[in-house]
Amino acid sequence: MRFFQFNLFQCFQSVFNRHIKIRYDQVPIILPFLADGILALGGTKCEGIFRVPGDGDGVSELKLRIDKGYYTLEGVDDPNVLASLMKLWLRELCDPLVPEEMYNVCVSSSKLPEACVELVKRLPTINRRVTLFVISFLQLFLEERVQATTKMTPVNLALVMAPNLLRCNSDSMAVVFNNAQ
């Protein structure tokens, strides 16, 4: 089984698969690996982290390595490579973290913190764990001193991360753009 383009439920069903290991409250090991790597490589001091794409070849090479079960940062010195790979992993899940049937509720309640918390509580268990891990990790980038360095405000982070967590089922660019507001 490859790590990219898979179903989260199948991931957790594949307990014996050597590529899938669970850690940090049962999220796929790729998430803490990438999160730890982003921090280790100075992601909290990197202007445009999560917005600036990592080197394409570096992202592809690390993706292939991870798909083969090799979790090493050898040869990687740019946190943008890891941030890009984290976004790619989330985007390539067979099913988005926020199920399609919850998309409209998610968009309409995006400015209501209590409604967002309730929405996360309603997510399937696996999706909720991954979502909470990603949110917890991104909160590290919301400290004032980090924002001053990275230039990634809460709005900026939301704009670059939202398309990786939920997918608009409309083909209309106007609808997609309007929902991104």
N, C-alpha and C. Protein backbone atom coordinates (compact mmCIF):
# COMPACT_ATOMS: atom_id res chain seq x y z
N MET A 1 0.85 -1.18 0.00
CA MET A 1 0.00 0.00 0.00
C MET A 1 0.88 1.23 0.00
N ARG A 2 0.51 2.17 -0.81
CA ARG A 2 1.24 3.43 -0.86
C ARG A 2 0.62 4.40 0.12
N PHE A 3 1.40 5.40 0.53
CA PHE A 3 0.91 6.38 1.47
C PHE A 3 0.05 7.44 0.82
N PHE A 4 0.25 7.64 -0.44
CA PHE A 4 -0.48 8.69 -1.13
C PHE A 4 -1.65 8.08 -1.87
N GLN A 5 -2.71 8.85 -2.00
CA GLN A 5 -3.93 8.45 -2.69
C GLN A 5 -4.55 7.21 -2.06
N PHE A 6 -4.73 7.23 -0.76
CA PHE A 6 -5.37 6.11 -0.10
C PHE A 6 -6.55 6.58 0.72
N ASN A 7 -7.35 5.63 1.14
CA ASN A 7 -8.52 5.88 1.96
C ASN A 7 -8.09 5.81 3.41
N LEU A 8 -8.44 6.81 4.24
CA LEU A 8 -8.02 6.81 5.65
C LEU A 8 -8.50 5.56 6.37
N PHE A 9 -9.72 5.11 6.12
CA PHE A 9 -10.23 3.93 6.80
C PHE A 9 -9.37 2.72 6.43
N GLN A 10 -9.04 2.57 5.15
CA GLN A 10 -8.18 1.46 4.73
C GLN A 10 -6.82 1.56 5.39
N CYS A 11 -6.33 2.78 5.57
CA CYS A 11 -5.04 2.98 6.22
C CYS A 11 -5.06 2.37 7.61
N PHE A 12 -6.12 2.62 8.35
CA PHE A 12 -6.19 2.12 9.71
C PHE A 12 -6.55 0.64 9.75
N GLN A 13 -7.12 0.11 8.66
CA GLN A 13 -7.40 -1.32 8.59
C GLN A 13 -6.13 -2.10 8.28
N SER A 14 -5.13 -1.43 7.73
CA SER A 14 -3.89 -2.08 7.29
C SER A 14 -2.87 -2.12 8.42
N VAL A 15 -3.24 -2.65 9.55
CA VAL A 15 -2.37 -2.65 10.71
C VAL A 15 -1.07 -3.40 10.44
N PHE A 16 -1.14 -4.41 9.63
CA PHE A 16 0.04 -5.24 9.39
C PHE A 16 0.90 -4.74 8.23
N ASN A 17 0.43 -3.72 7.56
CA ASN A 17 1.20 -3.18 6.45
C ASN A 17 2.42 -2.46 7.00
N ARG A 18 3.59 -2.77 6.49
CA ARG A 18 4.82 -2.21 7.06
C ARG A 18 4.94 -0.70 6.84
N HIS A 19 4.18 -0.13 5.90
CA HIS A 19 4.28 1.30 5.64
C HIS A 19 3.38 2.13 6.55
N ILE A 20 2.41 1.52 7.16
CA ILE A 20 1.47 2.27 7.99
C ILE A 20 1.79 1.98 9.45
N LYS A 21 2.17 3.00 10.15
CA LYS A 21 2.42 2.89 11.58
C LYS A 21 1.63 4.00 12.25
N ILE A 22 1.10 3.75 13.41
CA ILE A 22 0.27 4.73 14.08
C ILE A 22 1.06 5.31 15.26
N ARG A 23 0.97 6.62 15.42
CA ARG A 23 1.62 7.33 16.50
C ARG A 23 0.85 8.61 16.76
N TYR A 24 1.10 9.27 17.88
CA TYR A 24 0.45 10.54 18.20
C TYR A 24 -1.08 10.39 18.13
N ASP A 25 -1.62 9.63 19.04
CA ASP A 25 -3.07 9.42 19.10
C ASP A 25 -3.63 8.82 17.82
N GLN A 26 -2.91 7.92 17.27
CA GLN A 26 -3.38 7.14 16.12
C GLN A 26 -3.65 7.97 14.87
N VAL A 27 -2.65 8.71 14.47
CA VAL A 27 -2.68 9.33 13.14
C VAL A 27 -1.59 8.63 12.33
N PRO A 28 -1.73 8.60 11.02
CA PRO A 28 -0.69 7.98 10.21
C PRO A 28 0.67 8.62 10.49
N ILE A 29 1.69 7.81 10.59
CA ILE A 29 3.03 8.25 11.00
C ILE A 29 3.58 9.35 10.09
N ILE A 30 3.10 9.43 8.87
CA ILE A 30 3.58 10.45 7.95
C ILE A 30 3.34 11.86 8.51
N LEU A 31 2.21 12.05 9.20
CA LEU A 31 1.90 13.39 9.71
C LEU A 31 2.88 13.86 10.78
N PRO A 32 3.11 13.08 11.86
CA PRO A 32 4.11 13.54 12.82
C PRO A 32 5.51 13.59 12.24
N PHE A 33 5.82 12.72 11.29
CA PHE A 33 7.14 12.77 10.65
C PHE A 33 7.31 14.11 9.94
N LEU A 34 6.32 14.49 9.14
CA LEU A 34 6.42 15.76 8.40
C LEU A 34 6.36 16.96 9.35
N ALA A 35 5.47 16.91 10.34
CA ALA A 35 5.36 18.02 11.30
C ALA A 35 6.65 18.21 12.07
N ASP A 36 7.21 17.12 12.58
CA ASP A 36 8.49 17.21 13.32
C ASP A 36 9.60 17.73 12.42
N GLY A 37 9.59 17.28 11.16
CA GLY A 37 10.60 17.74 10.21
C GLY A 37 10.48 19.22 9.89
N ILE A 38 9.26 19.69 9.71
CA ILE A 38 9.05 21.12 9.44
C ILE A 38 9.62 21.95 10.59
N LEU A 39 9.35 21.52 11.81
CA LEU A 39 9.85 22.24 12.98
C LEU A 39 11.37 22.13 13.07
N ALA A 40 11.92 20.93 12.84
CA ALA A 40 13.36 20.71 12.94
C ALA A 40 14.14 21.53 11.92
N LEU A 41 13.53 21.76 10.76
CA LEU A 41 14.20 22.52 9.70
C LEU A 41 13.90 24.02 9.77
N GLY A 42 13.28 24.45 10.85
CA GLY A 42 13.07 25.88 11.05
C GLY A 42 11.83 26.44 10.38
N GLY A 43 10.81 25.63 10.23
CA GLY A 43 9.57 26.08 9.59
C GLY A 43 8.92 27.27 10.26
N THR A 44 9.10 27.41 11.57
CA THR A 44 8.50 28.55 12.28
C THR A 44 9.26 29.84 12.03
N LYS A 45 10.38 29.74 11.31
CA LYS A 45 11.17 30.93 10.97
C LYS A 45 11.26 31.13 9.46
N CYS A 46 10.45 30.39 8.73
CA CYS A 46 10.52 30.39 7.27
C CYS A 46 9.38 31.23 6.69
N GLU A 47 9.72 32.35 6.07
CA GLU A 47 8.69 33.22 5.50
C GLU A 47 7.89 32.47 4.44
N GLY A 48 6.57 32.52 4.57
CA GLY A 48 5.69 31.90 3.59
C GLY A 48 5.52 30.39 3.75
N ILE A 49 5.88 29.85 4.92
CA ILE A 49 5.73 28.41 5.12
C ILE A 49 4.28 28.01 4.81
N PHE A 50 4.09 26.94 4.11
CA PHE A 50 2.80 26.41 3.62
C PHE A 50 2.27 27.17 2.42
N ARG A 51 2.78 28.37 2.14
CA ARG A 51 2.37 29.12 0.96
C ARG A 51 3.39 28.96 -0.15
N VAL A 52 4.67 29.07 0.20
CA VAL A 52 5.75 28.93 -0.77
C VAL A 52 5.95 27.44 -1.06
N PRO A 53 5.87 27.05 -2.33
CA PRO A 53 6.03 25.62 -2.62
C PRO A 53 7.48 25.16 -2.43
N GLY A 54 7.61 23.92 -2.00
CA GLY A 54 8.93 23.32 -1.90
C GLY A 54 9.41 22.93 -3.30
N ASP A 55 10.70 22.72 -3.44
CA ASP A 55 11.27 22.28 -4.71
C ASP A 55 10.56 21.01 -5.19
N GLY A 56 10.06 21.04 -6.40
CA GLY A 56 9.28 19.92 -6.95
C GLY A 56 10.03 18.60 -6.93
N ASP A 57 11.31 18.63 -7.32
CA ASP A 57 12.09 17.39 -7.31
C ASP A 57 12.29 16.88 -5.89
N GLY A 58 12.51 17.80 -4.96
CA GLY A 58 12.69 17.41 -3.56
C GLY A 58 11.43 16.79 -2.99
N VAL A 59 10.28 17.37 -3.33
CA VAL A 59 8.99 16.83 -2.87
C VAL A 59 8.78 15.44 -3.45
N SER A 60 9.01 15.29 -4.75
CA SER A 60 8.82 13.99 -5.41
C SER A 60 9.75 12.92 -4.84
N GLU A 61 11.00 13.29 -4.61
CA GLU A 61 11.97 12.34 -4.08
C GLU A 61 11.56 11.88 -2.68
N LEU A 62 11.17 12.82 -1.82
CA LEU A 62 10.77 12.46 -0.47
C LEU A 62 9.49 11.64 -0.49
N LYS A 63 8.57 11.97 -1.38
CA LYS A 63 7.32 11.21 -1.50
C LYS A 63 7.63 9.76 -1.86
N LEU A 64 8.51 9.55 -2.83
CA LEU A 64 8.89 8.18 -3.22
C LEU A 64 9.55 7.44 -2.08
N ARG A 65 10.42 8.12 -1.36
CA ARG A 65 11.10 7.51 -0.22
C ARG A 65 10.10 7.06 0.84
N ILE A 66 9.16 7.92 1.16
CA ILE A 66 8.14 7.60 2.16
C ILE A 66 7.26 6.45 1.68
N ASP A 67 6.89 6.47 0.40
CA ASP A 67 6.09 5.37 -0.15
C ASP A 67 6.80 4.03 -0.01
N LYS A 68 8.13 4.06 0.04
CA LYS A 68 8.91 2.82 0.22
C LYS A 68 9.16 2.52 1.69
N GLY A 69 8.68 3.39 2.57
CA GLY A 69 8.81 3.16 4.00
C GLY A 69 10.06 3.73 4.64
N TYR A 70 10.78 4.59 3.92
CA TYR A 70 12.00 5.20 4.46
C TYR A 70 11.69 6.60 4.98
N TYR A 71 11.68 6.72 6.28
CA TYR A 71 11.39 8.00 6.92
C TYR A 71 12.69 8.63 7.36
N THR A 72 13.26 9.40 6.48
CA THR A 72 14.50 10.10 6.79
C THR A 72 14.49 11.44 6.10
N LEU A 73 15.08 12.42 6.76
CA LEU A 73 15.18 13.76 6.18
C LEU A 73 16.50 13.95 5.44
N GLU A 74 17.21 12.86 5.25
CA GLU A 74 18.51 12.93 4.57
C GLU A 74 18.38 13.68 3.24
N GLY A 75 19.21 14.70 3.08
CA GLY A 75 19.21 15.49 1.86
C GLY A 75 18.13 16.57 1.81
N VAL A 76 17.30 16.65 2.82
CA VAL A 76 16.23 17.67 2.85
C VAL A 76 16.64 18.76 3.83
N ASP A 77 16.73 19.99 3.34
CA ASP A 77 17.11 21.09 4.22
C ASP A 77 16.14 22.26 4.16
N ASP A 78 15.04 22.08 3.43
CA ASP A 78 14.06 23.14 3.25
C ASP A 78 12.72 22.72 3.85
N PRO A 79 12.23 23.44 4.87
CA PRO A 79 10.94 23.06 5.46
C PRO A 79 9.78 23.18 4.47
N ASN A 80 9.95 23.97 3.39
CA ASN A 80 8.89 24.09 2.40
C ASN A 80 8.65 22.77 1.66
N VAL A 81 9.69 21.94 1.53
CA VAL A 81 9.52 20.63 0.90
C VAL A 81 8.57 19.79 1.76
N LEU A 82 8.79 19.80 3.06
CA LEU A 82 7.95 19.01 3.96
C LEU A 82 6.53 19.59 4.05
N ALA A 83 6.42 20.91 4.09
CA ALA A 83 5.10 21.54 4.14
C ALA A 83 4.32 21.23 2.86
N SER A 84 4.99 21.27 1.72
CA SER A 84 4.33 20.94 0.46
C SER A 84 3.88 19.48 0.45
N LEU A 85 4.72 18.61 0.98
CA LEU A 85 4.38 17.19 1.02
C LEU A 85 3.22 16.92 1.97
N MET A 86 3.15 17.65 3.08
CA MET A 86 2.02 17.50 4.00
C MET A 86 0.72 17.90 3.30
N LYS A 87 0.74 19.03 2.61
CA LYS A 87 -0.45 19.47 1.89
C LYS A 87 -0.82 18.47 0.79
N LEU A 88 0.18 17.96 0.10
CA LEU A 88 -0.06 16.99 -0.97
C LEU A 88 -0.70 15.72 -0.41
N TRP A 89 -0.17 15.24 0.72
CA TRP A 89 -0.71 14.03 1.32
C TRP A 89 -2.19 14.22 1.67
N LEU A 90 -2.51 15.34 2.28
CA LEU A 90 -3.90 15.63 2.65
C LEU A 90 -4.77 15.76 1.40
N ARG A 91 -4.26 16.42 0.38
CA ARG A 91 -5.02 16.64 -0.85
C ARG A 91 -5.24 15.35 -1.63
N GLU A 92 -4.30 14.40 -1.54
CA GLU A 92 -4.40 13.17 -2.32
C GLU A 92 -5.14 12.04 -1.60
N LEU A 93 -5.66 12.31 -0.41
CA LEU A 93 -6.49 11.29 0.22
C LEU A 93 -7.65 10.99 -0.71
N CYS A 94 -8.04 9.72 -0.80
CA CYS A 94 -9.16 9.37 -1.67
C CYS A 94 -10.42 10.15 -1.32
N ASP A 95 -10.64 10.30 -0.03
CA ASP A 95 -11.79 11.07 0.45
C ASP A 95 -11.24 12.22 1.29
N PRO A 96 -11.79 13.42 1.13
CA PRO A 96 -11.29 14.56 1.92
C PRO A 96 -11.58 14.36 3.41
N LEU A 97 -10.82 15.04 4.25
CA LEU A 97 -11.04 14.93 5.69
C LEU A 97 -12.45 15.36 6.07
N VAL A 98 -12.94 16.42 5.44
CA VAL A 98 -14.32 16.84 5.64
C VAL A 98 -15.14 16.19 4.52
N PRO A 99 -15.98 15.20 4.88
CA PRO A 99 -16.75 14.50 3.84
C PRO A 99 -17.58 15.44 2.99
N GLU A 100 -17.78 15.04 1.76
CA GLU A 100 -18.50 15.87 0.79
C GLU A 100 -19.87 16.32 1.31
N GLU A 101 -20.56 15.44 2.02
CA GLU A 101 -21.90 15.79 2.51
C GLU A 101 -21.85 16.85 3.62
N MET A 102 -20.68 17.12 4.18
CA MET A 102 -20.54 18.13 5.22
C MET A 102 -19.93 19.43 4.67
N TYR A 103 -19.62 19.46 3.40
CA TYR A 103 -18.93 20.60 2.80
C TYR A 103 -19.70 21.91 2.99
N ASN A 104 -20.97 21.93 2.60
CA ASN A 104 -21.75 23.17 2.67
C ASN A 104 -21.90 23.67 4.10
N VAL A 105 -22.10 22.77 5.03
CA VAL A 105 -22.20 23.15 6.44
C VAL A 105 -20.87 23.74 6.90
N CYS A 106 -19.79 23.14 6.47
CA CYS A 106 -18.46 23.63 6.84
C CYS A 106 -18.24 25.05 6.33
N VAL A 107 -18.55 25.28 5.09
CA VAL A 107 -18.36 26.61 4.49
C VAL A 107 -19.26 27.63 5.17
N SER A 108 -20.52 27.27 5.40
CA SER A 108 -21.46 28.25 5.97
C SER A 108 -21.17 28.55 7.44
N SER A 109 -20.50 27.64 8.14
CA SER A 109 -20.23 27.87 9.56
C SER A 109 -18.77 28.25 9.82
N SER A 110 -18.04 28.56 8.78
CA SER A 110 -16.60 28.79 8.92
C SER A 110 -16.24 29.97 9.82
N LYS A 111 -17.13 30.92 9.98
CA LYS A 111 -16.83 32.09 10.82
C LYS A 111 -17.43 31.98 12.22
N LEU A 112 -17.98 30.81 12.52
CA LEU A 112 -18.61 30.58 13.83
C LEU A 112 -17.81 29.51 14.57
N PRO A 113 -16.94 29.91 15.48
CA PRO A 113 -16.07 28.93 16.16
C PRO A 113 -16.81 27.75 16.79
N GLU A 114 -17.95 28.02 17.45
CA GLU A 114 -18.69 26.94 18.11
C GLU A 114 -19.20 25.94 17.07
N ALA A 115 -19.67 26.44 15.94
CA ALA A 115 -20.18 25.58 14.88
C ALA A 115 -19.04 24.74 14.29
N CYS A 116 -17.86 25.33 14.19
CA CYS A 116 -16.70 24.59 13.67
C CYS A 116 -16.33 23.45 14.61
N VAL A 117 -16.36 23.71 15.89
CA VAL A 117 -16.05 22.67 16.88
C VAL A 117 -17.06 21.54 16.76
N GLU A 118 -18.33 21.88 16.63
CA GLU A 118 -19.37 20.86 16.49
C GLU A 118 -19.18 20.06 15.21
N LEU A 119 -18.79 20.73 14.15
CA LEU A 119 -18.55 20.05 12.88
C LEU A 119 -17.42 19.04 13.03
N VAL A 120 -16.33 19.44 13.67
CA VAL A 120 -15.20 18.53 13.88
C VAL A 120 -15.64 17.33 14.72
N LYS A 121 -16.47 17.56 15.71
CA LYS A 121 -16.97 16.46 16.55
C LYS A 121 -17.77 15.45 15.73
N ARG A 122 -18.41 15.92 14.66
CA ARG A 122 -19.25 15.05 13.82
C ARG A 122 -18.46 14.29 12.77
N LEU A 123 -17.20 14.61 12.60
CA LEU A 123 -16.39 13.90 11.61
C LEU A 123 -16.21 12.45 12.02
N PRO A 124 -16.03 11.56 11.03
CA PRO A 124 -15.69 10.18 11.37
C PRO A 124 -14.42 10.18 12.24
N THR A 125 -14.30 9.23 13.12
CA THR A 125 -13.21 9.19 14.11
C THR A 125 -11.83 9.40 13.49
N ILE A 126 -11.52 8.68 12.46
CA ILE A 126 -10.20 8.78 11.84
C ILE A 126 -9.98 10.19 11.28
N ASN A 127 -10.98 10.70 10.59
CA ASN A 127 -10.89 12.05 10.02
C ASN A 127 -10.72 13.09 11.12
N ARG A 128 -11.46 12.90 12.22
CA ARG A 128 -11.37 13.85 13.33
C ARG A 128 -9.96 13.84 13.93
N ARG A 129 -9.38 12.68 14.12
CA ARG A 129 -8.03 12.60 14.69
C ARG A 129 -7.02 13.32 13.80
N VAL A 130 -7.11 13.08 12.51
CA VAL A 130 -6.17 13.72 11.57
C VAL A 130 -6.40 15.22 11.55
N THR A 131 -7.67 15.64 11.49
CA THR A 131 -7.99 17.07 11.48
C THR A 131 -7.47 17.76 12.73
N LEU A 132 -7.69 17.14 13.88
CA LEU A 132 -7.22 17.74 15.13
C LEU A 132 -5.70 17.79 15.20
N PHE A 133 -5.03 16.77 14.65
CA PHE A 133 -3.57 16.81 14.60
C PHE A 133 -3.10 17.99 13.75
N VAL A 134 -3.68 18.14 12.57
CA VAL A 134 -3.29 19.23 11.67
C VAL A 134 -3.57 20.59 12.31
N ILE A 135 -4.74 20.73 12.92
CA ILE A 135 -5.08 22.00 13.58
C ILE A 135 -4.11 22.29 14.72
N SER A 136 -3.83 21.30 15.54
CA SER A 136 -2.89 21.49 16.66
C SER A 136 -1.52 21.92 16.15
N PHE A 137 -1.08 21.26 15.08
CA PHE A 137 0.22 21.61 14.52
C PHE A 137 0.22 23.03 13.97
N LEU A 138 -0.81 23.40 13.23
CA LEU A 138 -0.86 24.74 12.64
C LEU A 138 -0.94 25.84 13.69
N GLN A 139 -1.48 25.52 14.85
CA GLN A 139 -1.56 26.52 15.92
C GLN A 139 -0.17 27.00 16.35
N LEU A 140 0.83 26.16 16.16
CA LEU A 140 2.21 26.59 16.48
C LEU A 140 2.62 27.78 15.63
N PHE A 141 2.03 27.93 14.47
CA PHE A 141 2.38 28.99 13.54
C PHE A 141 1.57 30.26 13.78
N LEU A 142 0.68 30.23 14.76
CA LEU A 142 -0.17 31.38 15.04
C LEU A 142 0.34 32.26 16.17
N GLU A 143 1.44 31.85 16.80
CA GLU A 143 2.05 32.72 17.82
C GLU A 143 2.51 34.01 17.14
N GLU A 144 2.36 35.13 17.82
CA GLU A 144 2.68 36.43 17.22
C GLU A 144 4.08 36.50 16.65
N ARG A 145 5.07 36.02 17.41
CA ARG A 145 6.46 36.10 16.93
C ARG A 145 6.67 35.23 15.69
N VAL A 146 5.96 34.12 15.61
CA VAL A 146 6.07 33.24 14.44
C VAL A 146 5.41 33.91 13.24
N GLN A 147 4.21 34.47 13.45
CA GLN A 147 3.52 35.17 12.36
C GLN A 147 4.36 36.33 11.82
N ALA A 148 5.03 37.04 12.71
CA ALA A 148 5.85 38.17 12.29
C ALA A 148 6.97 37.71 11.36
N THR A 149 7.49 36.52 11.60
CA THR A 149 8.57 35.98 10.78
C THR A 149 8.06 35.32 9.51
N THR A 150 7.04 34.47 9.65
CA THR A 150 6.56 33.69 8.50
C THR A 150 5.63 34.48 7.60
N LYS A 151 5.05 35.55 8.12
CA LYS A 151 4.04 36.35 7.40
C LYS A 151 2.79 35.52 7.11
N MET A 152 2.59 34.45 7.88
CA MET A 152 1.42 33.59 7.71
C MET A 152 0.43 33.84 8.84
N THR A 153 -0.53 34.70 8.55
CA THR A 153 -1.58 35.03 9.50
C THR A 153 -2.60 33.88 9.52
N PRO A 154 -3.53 33.90 10.46
CA PRO A 154 -4.58 32.86 10.45
C PRO A 154 -5.32 32.80 9.11
N VAL A 155 -5.62 33.96 8.53
CA VAL A 155 -6.31 33.99 7.24
C VAL A 155 -5.45 33.35 6.15
N ASN A 156 -4.15 33.69 6.13
CA ASN A 156 -3.25 33.11 5.12
C ASN A 156 -3.17 31.60 5.26
N LEU A 157 -3.02 31.12 6.50
CA LEU A 157 -2.96 29.67 6.73
C LEU A 157 -4.26 29.00 6.29
N ALA A 158 -5.38 29.62 6.63
CA ALA A 158 -6.67 29.05 6.24
C ALA A 158 -6.81 28.95 4.73
N LEU A 159 -6.38 30.00 4.03
CA LEU A 159 -6.49 30.01 2.56
C LEU A 159 -5.64 28.93 1.90
N VAL A 160 -4.45 28.68 2.44
CA VAL A 160 -3.59 27.68 1.81
C VAL A 160 -3.89 26.26 2.28
N MET A 161 -4.48 26.10 3.47
CA MET A 161 -4.73 24.76 3.99
C MET A 161 -6.13 24.23 3.69
N ALA A 162 -7.13 25.10 3.63
CA ALA A 162 -8.51 24.64 3.44
C ALA A 162 -8.69 23.73 2.22
N PRO A 163 -8.11 24.05 1.06
CA PRO A 163 -8.32 23.16 -0.09
C PRO A 163 -7.74 21.75 0.11
N ASN A 164 -6.91 21.59 1.12
CA ASN A 164 -6.33 20.28 1.38
C ASN A 164 -7.18 19.48 2.37
N LEU A 165 -8.09 20.15 3.05
CA LEU A 165 -8.92 19.50 4.06
C LEU A 165 -10.33 19.20 3.57
N LEU A 166 -10.83 20.01 2.66
CA LEU A 166 -12.16 19.78 2.11
C LEU A 166 -12.14 20.13 0.63
N ARG A 167 -13.07 19.53 -0.10
CA ARG A 167 -13.11 19.72 -1.55
C ARG A 167 -14.48 20.20 -1.97
N CYS A 168 -14.45 21.23 -2.78
CA CYS A 168 -15.69 21.76 -3.34
C CYS A 168 -16.10 20.85 -4.50
N ASN A 169 -17.36 20.44 -4.52
CA ASN A 169 -17.81 19.53 -5.57
C ASN A 169 -18.34 20.28 -6.80
N SER A 170 -18.17 21.59 -6.82
CA SER A 170 -18.63 22.39 -7.95
C SER A 170 -17.51 22.57 -8.97
N ASP A 171 -17.87 22.58 -10.23
CA ASP A 171 -16.91 22.84 -11.30
C ASP A 171 -16.79 24.33 -11.58
N SER A 172 -17.64 25.12 -10.97
CA SER A 172 -17.66 26.56 -11.20
C SER A 172 -16.56 27.24 -10.39
N MET A 173 -15.67 27.93 -11.08
CA MET A 173 -14.59 28.66 -10.40
C MET A 173 -15.17 29.78 -9.53
N ALA A 174 -16.29 30.36 -9.92
CA ALA A 174 -16.93 31.41 -9.14
C ALA A 174 -17.37 30.86 -7.78
N VAL A 175 -17.95 29.66 -7.78
CA VAL A 175 -18.38 29.04 -6.53
C VAL A 175 -17.18 28.70 -5.65
N VAL A 176 -16.16 28.13 -6.27
CA VAL A 176 -14.94 27.77 -5.52
C VAL A 176 -14.34 29.03 -4.90
N PHE A 177 -14.21 30.09 -5.68
CA PHE A 177 -13.62 31.34 -5.19
C PHE A 177 -14.48 31.94 -4.08
N ASN A 178 -15.78 31.97 -4.27
CA ASN A 178 -16.69 32.52 -3.27
C ASN A 178 -16.61 31.74 -1.96
N ASN A 179 -16.51 30.42 -2.04
CA ASN A 179 -16.43 29.60 -0.85
C ASN A 179 -15.09 29.77 -0.13
N ALA A 180 -14.07 30.19 -0.87
CA ALA A 180 -12.75 30.38 -0.27
C ALA A 180 -12.69 31.62 0.59
N GLN A 181 -13.68 32.50 0.45
CA GLN A 181 -13.69 33.74 1.23
C GLN A 181 -13.88 33.41 2.64
